[in-house]
Amino acid sequence: MAQNHSKSLPEAAVEAPALDRGLAVLEALDAQPAGMTLTEISTVIGGPKNSTSRLIQTLIAREYVVRDDSTMRFRLTGKLLRLGQPQVADVSLVGGSLDAMRALRDAVGETVQIGIPIGDEGVIIEKIESTQAVRIGVNIGLRFPLHNNAPGKVLLAFRHPKERERTITRIKLERFTDRTITDKAALRADCERVMKQGYATDWGEADEGIHCVAAPIRDRLNVLVATLWVSGIAGRMPKSTFASVAAEVMKAAGEIERRLRA
């Protein structure tokens, strides 16, 4: 468990202790995607429950934090991601993507998501849900690894070659299903394939029965800024459909790139 947060405060933070504790709450919740109780949060930041509760209520009012009434645990919303999302000129990534995401959802009938790299992970910053009765539920702010899913492979493959190799060397290839890539040589080969074909796929590599197809989104300098992907239930989106779905995903990604570059 973390020590009292105040012990390591930089000198300037002493002048704004409430702000510092509020940021400490956000950082604590960021480290625990499943959420934390009031007691856990106050222990981590080293503050009394009463003042911690007041901080949390302020963050809830500002829509940075939400409470699950069934578990009484607090977790982050996606607001911080919206504030920090990439922006090209006057167009935000999400703002420039929504029309293309909706068109892609209508074309393939499955859930569409967009994500950005955060260190050695990816994070979902927006979604357009499938209209199917049975659909894949995802949360904005969900983080995902780079080796076991289509969007993660895109975020890995289209990095600068030196940074891609450093990332592959650094990350742990945890097994999630029987089809998860756990060999680094195999992951390097998959990255080469992704770059050559322009899109990535996974067939139940992260979750049994869930298939994904993803493509990169690049800025006007051809630098990767995000990934766009479709997630579908295997029975509705079998491997035999990957090429046709990929064509739609790349088309939508191209539309987003044109909007960002305009």
C-alpha atoms as a PDB file:
ATOM      1  CA  MET A   1       0.000   0.000   0.000  1.00  0.00           C
ATOM      2  CA  ALA A   2       1.264   3.498  -0.808  1.00  0.00           C
ATOM      3  CA  GLN A   3       2.706   5.662   1.952  1.00  0.00           C
ATOM      4  CA  ASN A   4       1.297   8.997   3.096  1.00  0.00           C
ATOM      5  CA  HIS A   5       1.216  11.156  -0.002  1.00  0.00           C
ATOM      6  CA  SER A   6       2.274  14.331   1.827  1.00  0.00           C
ATOM      7  CA  LYS A   7       5.715  12.950   2.637  1.00  0.00           C
ATOM      8  CA  SER A   8       6.865  13.225  -0.956  1.00  0.00           C
ATOM      9  CA  LEU A   9       5.219  16.527  -1.853  1.00  0.00           C
ATOM     10  CA  PRO A  10       7.246  18.919  -3.991  1.00  0.00           C
ATOM     11  CA  GLU A  11       7.654  22.287  -2.291  1.00  0.00           C
ATOM     12  CA  ALA A  12       5.232  24.069  -4.643  1.00  0.00           C
ATOM     13  CA  ALA A  13       2.469  21.536  -3.870  1.00  0.00           C
ATOM     14  CA  VAL A  14       2.380  22.675  -0.226  1.00  0.00           C
ATOM     15  CA  GLU A  15       0.822  25.928  -1.447  1.00  0.00           C
ATOM     16  CA  ALA A  16      -2.152  24.047  -2.939  1.00  0.00           C
ATOM     17  CA  PRO A  17      -2.691  21.010  -0.687  1.00  0.00           C
ATOM     18  CA  ALA A  18      -6.335  20.436  -1.681  1.00  0.00           C
ATOM     19  CA  LEU A  19      -5.416  20.398  -5.360  1.00  0.00           C
ATOM     20  CA  ASP A  20      -2.554  18.026  -4.646  1.00  0.00           C
ATOM     21  CA  ARG A  21      -4.798  15.628  -2.719  1.00  0.00           C
ATOM     22  CA  GLY A  22      -7.402  15.792  -5.474  1.00  0.00           C
ATOM     23  CA  LEU A  23      -4.789  14.831  -8.041  1.00  0.00           C
ATOM     24  CA  ALA A  24      -3.625  12.061  -5.706  1.00  0.00           C
ATOM     25  CA  VAL A  25      -7.181  10.676  -5.702  1.00  0.00           C
ATOM     26  CA  LEU A  26      -7.241  10.672  -9.509  1.00  0.00           C
ATOM     27  CA  GLU A  27      -3.857   8.931  -9.665  1.00  0.00           C
ATOM     28  CA  ALA A  28      -4.959   6.310  -7.130  1.00  0.00           C
ATOM     29  CA  LEU A  29      -8.127   5.547  -9.108  1.00  0.00           C
ATOM     30  CA  ASP A  30      -6.174   5.449 -12.363  1.00  0.00           C
ATOM     31  CA  ALA A  31      -4.063   2.634 -10.885  1.00  0.00           C
ATOM     32  CA  GLN A  32      -7.191   0.638  -9.962  1.00  0.00           C
ATOM     33  CA  PRO A  33      -9.546   0.392 -13.001  1.00  0.00           C
ATOM     34  CA  ALA A  34     -11.971  -1.804 -11.017  1.00  0.00           C
ATOM     35  CA  GLY A  35     -12.467   1.039  -8.549  1.00  0.00           C
ATOM     36  CA  MET A  36     -11.699   1.694  -4.887  1.00  0.00           C
ATOM     37  CA  THR A  37     -13.653   2.207  -1.688  1.00  0.00           C
ATOM     38  CA  LEU A  38     -13.458   5.408   0.316  1.00  0.00           C
ATOM     39  CA  THR A  39     -11.334   3.641   2.929  1.00  0.00           C
ATOM     40  CA  GLU A  40      -8.887   2.396   0.302  1.00  0.00           C
ATOM     41  CA  ILE A  41      -8.563   5.827  -1.280  1.00  0.00           C
ATOM     42  CA  SER A  42      -8.003   7.630   2.024  1.00  0.00           C
ATOM     43  CA  THR A  43      -5.358   5.060   2.982  1.00  0.00           C
ATOM     44  CA  VAL A  44      -3.499   5.443  -0.312  1.00  0.00           C
ATOM     45  CA  ILE A  45      -3.426   9.243  -0.259  1.00  0.00           C
ATOM     46  CA  GLY A  46      -2.771   9.397   3.482  1.00  0.00           C
ATOM     47  CA  GLY A  47      -5.750  11.574   4.401  1.00  0.00           C
ATOM     48  CA  PRO A  48      -8.728  11.307   6.775  1.00  0.00           C
ATOM     49  CA  LYS A  49     -11.966   9.873   5.433  1.00  0.00           C
ATOM     50  CA  ASN A  50     -13.964  13.076   5.916  1.00  0.00           C
ATOM     51  CA  SER A  51     -11.696  15.265   3.796  1.00  0.00           C
ATOM     52  CA  THR A  52     -11.194  12.477   1.253  1.00  0.00           C
ATOM     53  CA  SER A  53     -14.969  12.118   0.933  1.00  0.00           C
ATOM     54  CA  ARG A  54     -15.303  15.846   0.249  1.00  0.00           C
ATOM     55  CA  LEU A  55     -12.649  15.643  -2.465  1.00  0.00           C
ATOM     56  CA  ILE A  56     -14.415  12.702  -4.074  1.00  0.00           C
ATOM     57  CA  GLN A  57     -17.793  14.453  -4.002  1.00  0.00           C
ATOM     58  CA  THR A  58     -16.237  17.427  -5.803  1.00  0.00           C
ATOM     59  CA  LEU A  59     -14.743  15.100  -8.434  1.00  0.00           C
ATOM     60  CA  ILE A  60     -18.126  13.421  -8.854  1.00  0.00           C
ATOM     61  CA  ALA A  61     -19.825  16.807  -9.297  1.00  0.00           C
ATOM     62  CA  ARG A  62     -17.225  17.699 -11.944  1.00  0.00           C
ATOM     63  CA  GLU A  63     -17.849  14.286 -13.628  1.00  0.00           C
ATOM     64  CA  TYR A  64     -14.283  12.998 -13.228  1.00  0.00           C
ATOM     65  CA  VAL A  65     -15.355  10.207 -10.853  1.00  0.00           C
ATOM     66  CA  VAL A  66     -18.450   8.029 -10.578  1.00  0.00           C
ATOM     67  CA  ARG A  67     -19.651   5.675  -7.823  1.00  0.00           C
ATOM     68  CA  ASP A  68     -21.011   2.200  -8.467  1.00  0.00           C
ATOM     69  CA  ASP A  69     -24.047   2.039  -6.170  1.00  0.00           C
ATOM     70  CA  SER A  70     -23.981  -1.755  -6.081  1.00  0.00           C
ATOM     71  CA  THR A  71     -20.358  -2.080  -4.891  1.00  0.00           C
ATOM     72  CA  MET A  72     -19.881   1.415  -3.373  1.00  0.00           C
ATOM     73  CA  ARG A  73     -16.580   1.654  -5.238  1.00  0.00           C
ATOM     74  CA  PHE A  74     -15.416   4.793  -6.985  1.00  0.00           C
ATOM     75  CA  ARG A  75     -13.805   4.821 -10.434  1.00  0.00           C
ATOM     76  CA  LEU A  76     -12.722   7.310 -13.065  1.00  0.00           C
ATOM     77  CA  THR A  77     -15.002   8.398 -15.884  1.00  0.00           C
ATOM     78  CA  GLY A  78     -13.670   9.132 -19.366  1.00  0.00           C
ATOM     79  CA  LYS A  79     -13.580  12.910 -18.856  1.00  0.00           C
ATOM     80  CA  LEU A  80      -9.813  13.116 -18.359  1.00  0.00           C
ATOM     81  CA  LEU A  81      -9.317  11.219 -21.608  1.00  0.00           C
ATOM     82  CA  ARG A  82     -11.534  13.673 -23.440  1.00  0.00           C
ATOM     83  CA  LEU A  83      -9.516  16.568 -22.086  1.00  0.00           C
ATOM     84  CA  GLY A  84      -6.204  15.020 -23.079  1.00  0.00           C
ATOM     85  CA  GLN A  85      -7.076  13.481 -26.431  1.00  0.00           C
ATOM     86  CA  PRO A  86      -4.941  14.302 -29.477  1.00  0.00           C
ATOM     87  CA  GLN A  87      -5.931  17.366 -31.481  1.00  0.00           C
ATOM     88  CA  VAL A  88      -4.909  18.437 -34.950  1.00  0.00           C
ATOM     89  CA  ALA A  89      -5.391  22.127 -35.664  1.00  0.00           C
ATOM     90  CA  ASP A  90      -8.867  22.917 -34.260  1.00  0.00           C
ATOM     91  CA  VAL A  91     -10.234  19.376 -34.628  1.00  0.00           C
ATOM     92  CA  SER A  92     -10.163  16.936 -31.712  1.00  0.00           C
ATOM     93  CA  LEU A  93      -9.576  13.279 -32.486  1.00  0.00           C
ATOM     94  CA  VAL A  94     -12.972  12.190 -31.194  1.00  0.00           C
ATOM     95  CA  GLY A  95     -14.777  15.159 -32.722  1.00  0.00           C
ATOM     96  CA  GLY A  96     -13.272  14.379 -36.096  1.00  0.00           C
ATOM     97  CA  SER A  97     -14.036  10.667 -35.821  1.00  0.00           C
ATOM     98  CA  LEU A  98     -17.665  10.310 -34.770  1.00  0.00           C
ATOM     99  CA  ASP A  99     -19.290  10.534 -38.205  1.00  0.00           C
ATOM    100  CA  ALA A 100     -16.893   7.960 -39.654  1.00  0.00           C
ATOM    101  CA  MET A 101     -17.349   5.718 -36.615  1.00  0.00           C
ATOM    102  CA  ARG A 102     -21.136   5.770 -36.995  1.00  0.00           C
ATOM    103  CA  ALA A 103     -20.880   5.029 -40.708  1.00  0.00           C
ATOM    104  CA  LEU A 104     -18.540   2.127 -39.959  1.00  0.00           C
ATOM    105  CA  ARG A 105     -20.911   0.762 -37.324  1.00  0.00           C
ATOM    106  CA  ASP A 106     -23.770   0.911 -39.822  1.00  0.00           C
ATOM    107  CA  ALA A 107     -21.660  -0.790 -42.506  1.00  0.00           C
ATOM    108  CA  VAL A 108     -20.498  -3.743 -40.397  1.00  0.00           C
ATOM    109  CA  GLY A 109     -23.212  -3.862 -37.718  1.00  0.00           C
ATOM    110  CA  GLU A 110     -20.751  -4.236 -34.840  1.00  0.00           C
ATOM    111  CA  THR A 111     -19.279  -2.100 -32.058  1.00  0.00           C
ATOM    112  CA  VAL A 112     -16.703   0.468 -33.196  1.00  0.00           C
ATOM    113  CA  GLN A 113     -14.021   1.897 -30.931  1.00  0.00           C
ATOM    114  CA  ILE A 114     -11.123   4.319 -31.138  1.00  0.00           C
ATOM    115  CA  GLY A 115      -8.069   4.248 -28.900  1.00  0.00           C
ATOM    116  CA  ILE A 116      -4.732   5.915 -28.334  1.00  0.00           C
ATOM    117  CA  PRO A 117      -1.373   4.719 -26.984  1.00  0.00           C
ATOM    118  CA  ILE A 118      -0.521   5.349 -23.336  1.00  0.00           C
ATOM    119  CA  GLY A 119       2.968   4.042 -22.655  1.00  0.00           C
ATOM    120  CA  ASP A 120       3.006   0.278 -23.136  1.00  0.00           C
ATOM    121  CA  GLU A 121      -0.786   0.030 -23.371  1.00  0.00           C
ATOM    122  CA  GLY A 122      -3.688   1.349 -25.380  1.00  0.00           C
ATOM    123  CA  VAL A 123      -6.769   3.062 -23.971  1.00  0.00           C
ATOM    124  CA  ILE A 124     -10.293   3.386 -25.386  1.00  0.00           C
ATOM    125  CA  ILE A 125     -11.365   7.025 -25.760  1.00  0.00           C
ATOM    126  CA  GLU A 126     -14.663   6.636 -27.635  1.00  0.00           C
ATOM    127  CA  LYS A 127     -17.093   3.955 -28.791  1.00  0.00           C
ATOM    128  CA  ILE A 128     -20.168   3.559 -30.980  1.00  0.00           C
ATOM    129  CA  GLU A 129     -22.110   0.513 -29.866  1.00  0.00           C
ATOM    130  CA  SER A 130     -23.578  -2.114 -32.141  1.00  0.00           C
ATOM    131  CA  THR A 131     -27.320  -2.028 -32.711  1.00  0.00           C
ATOM    132  CA  GLN A 132     -27.456  -5.822 -32.347  1.00  0.00           C
ATOM    133  CA  ALA A 133     -29.487  -7.239 -29.454  1.00  0.00           C
ATOM    134  CA  VAL A 134     -26.377  -9.082 -28.230  1.00  0.00           C
ATOM    135  CA  ARG A 135     -23.394  -6.758 -28.320  1.00  0.00           C
ATOM    136  CA  ILE A 136     -19.924  -6.373 -26.877  1.00  0.00           C
ATOM    137  CA  GLY A 137     -19.855  -4.012 -23.909  1.00  0.00           C
ATOM    138  CA  VAL A 138     -16.767  -1.852 -23.463  1.00  0.00           C
ATOM    139  CA  ASN A 139     -15.994   1.087 -21.199  1.00  0.00           C
ATOM    140  CA  ILE A 140     -14.339   4.308 -22.259  1.00  0.00           C
ATOM    141  CA  GLY A 141     -11.040   4.484 -20.386  1.00  0.00           C
ATOM    142  CA  LEU A 142     -10.442   0.722 -20.573  1.00  0.00           C
ATOM    143  CA  ARG A 143      -6.759  -0.058 -21.049  1.00  0.00           C
ATOM    144  CA  PHE A 144      -5.569  -2.949 -23.166  1.00  0.00           C
ATOM    145  CA  PRO A 145      -2.230  -4.669 -23.867  1.00  0.00           C
ATOM    146  CA  LEU A 146      -0.402  -4.377 -27.182  1.00  0.00           C
ATOM    147  CA  HIS A 147       0.159  -8.054 -27.989  1.00  0.00           C
ATOM    148  CA  ASN A 148      -3.160  -9.893 -27.776  1.00  0.00           C
ATOM    149  CA  ASN A 149      -5.674  -7.807 -29.709  1.00  0.00           C
ATOM    150  CA  ALA A 150      -5.995  -6.047 -33.054  1.00  0.00           C
ATOM    151  CA  PRO A 151      -5.918  -2.419 -31.838  1.00  0.00           C
ATOM    152  CA  GLY A 152      -2.929  -3.140 -29.600  1.00  0.00           C
ATOM    153  CA  LYS A 153      -1.046  -4.713 -32.500  1.00  0.00           C
ATOM    154  CA  VAL A 154      -1.687  -1.598 -34.605  1.00  0.00           C
ATOM    155  CA  LEU A 155      -0.385   0.675 -31.835  1.00  0.00           C
ATOM    156  CA  LEU A 156       2.695  -1.523 -31.578  1.00  0.00           C
ATOM    157  CA  ALA A 157       3.370  -2.238 -35.248  1.00  0.00           C
ATOM    158  CA  PHE A 158       3.156   1.359 -36.445  1.00  0.00           C
ATOM    159  CA  ARG A 159       5.535   2.753 -33.840  1.00  0.00           C
ATOM    160  CA  HIS A 160       8.947   3.951 -34.936  1.00  0.00           C
ATOM    161  CA  PRO A 161      10.965   0.743 -35.534  1.00  0.00           C
ATOM    162  CA  LYS A 162      13.406   1.417 -32.699  1.00  0.00           C
ATOM    163  CA  GLU A 163      10.627   2.218 -30.246  1.00  0.00           C
ATOM    164  CA  ARG A 164       8.660  -0.834 -31.413  1.00  0.00           C
ATOM    165  CA  GLU A 165      11.626  -3.086 -30.688  1.00  0.00           C
ATOM    166  CA  ARG A 166      12.199  -1.479 -27.286  1.00  0.00           C
ATOM    167  CA  THR A 167       8.527  -1.998 -26.469  1.00  0.00           C
ATOM    168  CA  ILE A 168       8.547  -5.653 -27.530  1.00  0.00           C
ATOM    169  CA  THR A 169      11.649  -6.232 -25.435  1.00  0.00           C
ATOM    170  CA  ARG A 170      10.030  -4.526 -22.454  1.00  0.00           C
ATOM    171  CA  ILE A 171       6.467  -5.865 -22.339  1.00  0.00           C
ATOM    172  CA  LYS A 172       5.342  -9.153 -20.841  1.00  0.00           C
ATOM    173  CA  LEU A 173       3.431 -11.380 -23.248  1.00  0.00           C
ATOM    174  CA  GLU A 174       0.812 -12.713 -20.879  1.00  0.00           C
ATOM    175  CA  ARG A 175      -1.393 -15.536 -22.176  1.00  0.00           C
ATOM    176  CA  PHE A 176      -5.145 -14.841 -22.218  1.00  0.00           C
ATOM    177  CA  THR A 177      -6.406 -17.636 -24.493  1.00  0.00           C
ATOM    178  CA  ASP A 178      -4.893 -20.545 -26.401  1.00  0.00           C
ATOM    179  CA  ARG A 179      -4.363 -18.217 -29.395  1.00  0.00           C
ATOM    180  CA  THR A 180      -2.566 -15.379 -27.583  1.00  0.00           C
ATOM    181  CA  ILE A 181       0.884 -14.595 -28.996  1.00  0.00           C
ATOM    182  CA  THR A 182       3.379 -15.277 -26.214  1.00  0.00           C
ATOM    183  CA  ASP A 183       6.582 -15.549 -28.278  1.00  0.00           C
ATOM    184  CA  LYS A 184       8.408 -12.304 -29.067  1.00  0.00           C
ATOM    185  CA  ALA A 185       9.693 -13.528 -32.417  1.00  0.00           C
ATOM    186  CA  ALA A 186       6.121 -14.377 -33.401  1.00  0.00           C
ATOM    187  CA  LEU A 187       4.984 -10.941 -32.251  1.00  0.00           C
ATOM    188  CA  ARG A 188       7.671  -9.263 -34.389  1.00  0.00           C
ATOM    189  CA  ALA A 189       6.526 -11.300 -37.376  1.00  0.00           C
ATOM    190  CA  ASP A 190       2.909 -10.341 -36.720  1.00  0.00           C
ATOM    191  CA  CYS A 191       3.888  -6.655 -36.583  1.00  0.00           C
ATOM    192  CA  GLU A 192       5.566  -6.982 -39.985  1.00  0.00           C
ATOM    193  CA  ARG A 193       2.404  -8.568 -41.366  1.00  0.00           C
ATOM    194  CA  VAL A 194       0.249  -5.793 -39.889  1.00  0.00           C
ATOM    195  CA  MET A 195       2.393  -3.071 -41.473  1.00  0.00           C
ATOM    196  CA  LYS A 196       2.385  -4.840 -44.841  1.00  0.00           C
ATOM    197  CA  GLN A 197      -1.382  -5.358 -45.051  1.00  0.00           C
ATOM    198  CA  GLY A 198      -2.317  -2.090 -43.337  1.00  0.00           C
ATOM    199  CA  TYR A 199      -4.553  -3.589 -40.660  1.00  0.00           C
ATOM    200  CA  ALA A 200      -4.492  -6.025 -37.740  1.00  0.00           C
ATOM    201  CA  THR A 201      -6.811  -8.823 -36.651  1.00  0.00           C
ATOM    202  CA  ASP A 202      -7.321 -11.069 -33.692  1.00  0.00           C
ATOM    203  CA  TRP A 203      -9.567 -14.093 -33.425  1.00  0.00           C
ATOM    204  CA  GLY A 204     -10.200 -14.719 -29.767  1.00  0.00           C
ATOM    205  CA  GLU A 205      -6.627 -13.868 -28.728  1.00  0.00           C
ATOM    206  CA  ALA A 206      -7.728 -11.666 -25.827  1.00  0.00           C
ATOM    207  CA  ASP A 207     -11.210 -13.056 -25.121  1.00  0.00           C
ATOM    208  CA  GLU A 208     -12.737 -16.308 -26.295  1.00  0.00           C
ATOM    209  CA  GLY A 209     -15.364 -15.754 -28.956  1.00  0.00           C
ATOM    210  CA  ILE A 210     -14.481 -12.091 -29.625  1.00  0.00           C
ATOM    211  CA  HIS A 211     -12.936 -11.051 -32.950  1.00  0.00           C
ATOM    212  CA  CYS A 212     -11.449  -7.636 -33.796  1.00  0.00           C
ATOM    213  CA  VAL A 213     -10.178  -5.848 -36.897  1.00  0.00           C
ATOM    214  CA  ALA A 214      -8.190  -2.601 -36.503  1.00  0.00           C
ATOM    215  CA  ALA A 215      -6.472   0.028 -38.647  1.00  0.00           C
ATOM    216  CA  PRO A 216      -4.141   2.944 -37.878  1.00  0.00           C
ATOM    217  CA  ILE A 217      -5.026   6.642 -37.868  1.00  0.00           C
ATOM    218  CA  ARG A 218      -2.083   8.901 -38.770  1.00  0.00           C
ATOM    219  CA  ASP A 219      -1.553  12.633 -38.808  1.00  0.00           C
ATOM    220  CA  ARG A 220      -0.394  14.778 -41.732  1.00  0.00           C
ATOM    221  CA  LEU A 221       3.214  13.779 -40.994  1.00  0.00           C
ATOM    222  CA  ASN A 222       2.180  10.111 -41.267  1.00  0.00           C
ATOM    223  CA  VAL A 223       2.774   9.598 -37.533  1.00  0.00           C
ATOM    224  CA  LEU A 224       0.423   7.197 -35.719  1.00  0.00           C
ATOM    225  CA  VAL A 225      -1.978   8.999 -33.385  1.00  0.00           C
ATOM    226  CA  ALA A 226      -4.682   6.387 -32.796  1.00  0.00           C
ATOM    227  CA  THR A 227      -6.304   3.148 -33.895  1.00  0.00           C
ATOM    228  CA  LEU A 228      -9.843   2.472 -35.086  1.00  0.00           C
ATOM    229  CA  TRP A 229     -11.369  -0.966 -34.768  1.00  0.00           C
ATOM    230  CA  VAL A 230     -14.446  -3.151 -34.898  1.00  0.00           C
ATOM    231  CA  SER A 231     -15.205  -5.786 -32.263  1.00  0.00           C
ATOM    232  CA  GLY A 232     -17.689  -8.539 -32.991  1.00  0.00           C
ATOM    233  CA  ILE A 233     -18.917 -11.855 -31.704  1.00  0.00           C
ATOM    234  CA  ALA A 234     -17.152 -14.673 -33.547  1.00  0.00           C
ATOM    235  CA  GLY A 235     -20.387 -16.158 -34.843  1.00  0.00           C
ATOM    236  CA  ARG A 236     -21.349 -12.881 -36.526  1.00  0.00           C
ATOM    237  CA  MET A 237     -17.829 -11.864 -37.571  1.00  0.00           C
ATOM    238  CA  PRO A 238     -15.908 -15.055 -38.451  1.00  0.00           C
ATOM    239  CA  LYS A 239     -12.375 -15.051 -39.846  1.00  0.00           C
ATOM    240  CA  SER A 240     -13.786 -15.368 -43.356  1.00  0.00           C
ATOM    241  CA  THR A 241     -15.163 -11.802 -43.044  1.00  0.00           C
ATOM    242  CA  PHE A 242     -11.919 -10.193 -41.819  1.00  0.00           C
ATOM    243  CA  ALA A 243     -10.790  -8.924 -45.244  1.00  0.00           C
ATOM    244  CA  SER A 244     -14.128  -7.272 -46.039  1.00  0.00           C
ATOM    245  CA  VAL A 245     -14.411  -5.792 -42.551  1.00  0.00           C
ATOM    246  CA  ALA A 246     -10.822  -4.539 -42.805  1.00  0.00           C
ATOM    247  CA  ALA A 247     -11.677  -2.719 -46.029  1.00  0.00           C
ATOM    248  CA  GLU A 248     -14.457  -0.854 -44.215  1.00  0.00           C
ATOM    249  CA  VAL A 249     -12.264  -0.100 -41.182  1.00  0.00           C
ATOM    250  CA  MET A 250      -9.456   1.274 -43.353  1.00  0.00           C
ATOM    251  CA  LYS A 251     -11.945   3.351 -45.321  1.00  0.00           C
ATOM    252  CA  ALA A 252     -13.279   4.885 -42.098  1.00  0.00           C
ATOM    253  CA  ALA A 253      -9.758   5.453 -40.757  1.00  0.00           C
ATOM    254  CA  GLY A 254      -8.903   7.221 -44.011  1.00  0.00           C
ATOM    255  CA  GLU A 255     -11.938   9.484 -43.613  1.00  0.00           C
ATOM    256  CA  ILE A 256     -10.819  10.390 -40.094  1.00  0.00           C
ATOM    257  CA  GLU A 257      -7.299  11.135 -41.336  1.00  0.00           C
ATOM    258  CA  ARG A 258      -8.676  13.426 -44.036  1.00  0.00           C
ATOM    259  CA  ARG A 259     -10.791  15.275 -41.475  1.00  0.00           C
ATOM    260  CA  LEU A 260      -7.834  15.739 -39.136  1.00  0.00           C
ATOM    261  CA  ARG A 261      -5.588  16.897 -41.964  1.00  0.00           C
ATOM    262  CA  ALA A 262      -8.080  19.363 -43.467  1.00  0.00           C
END
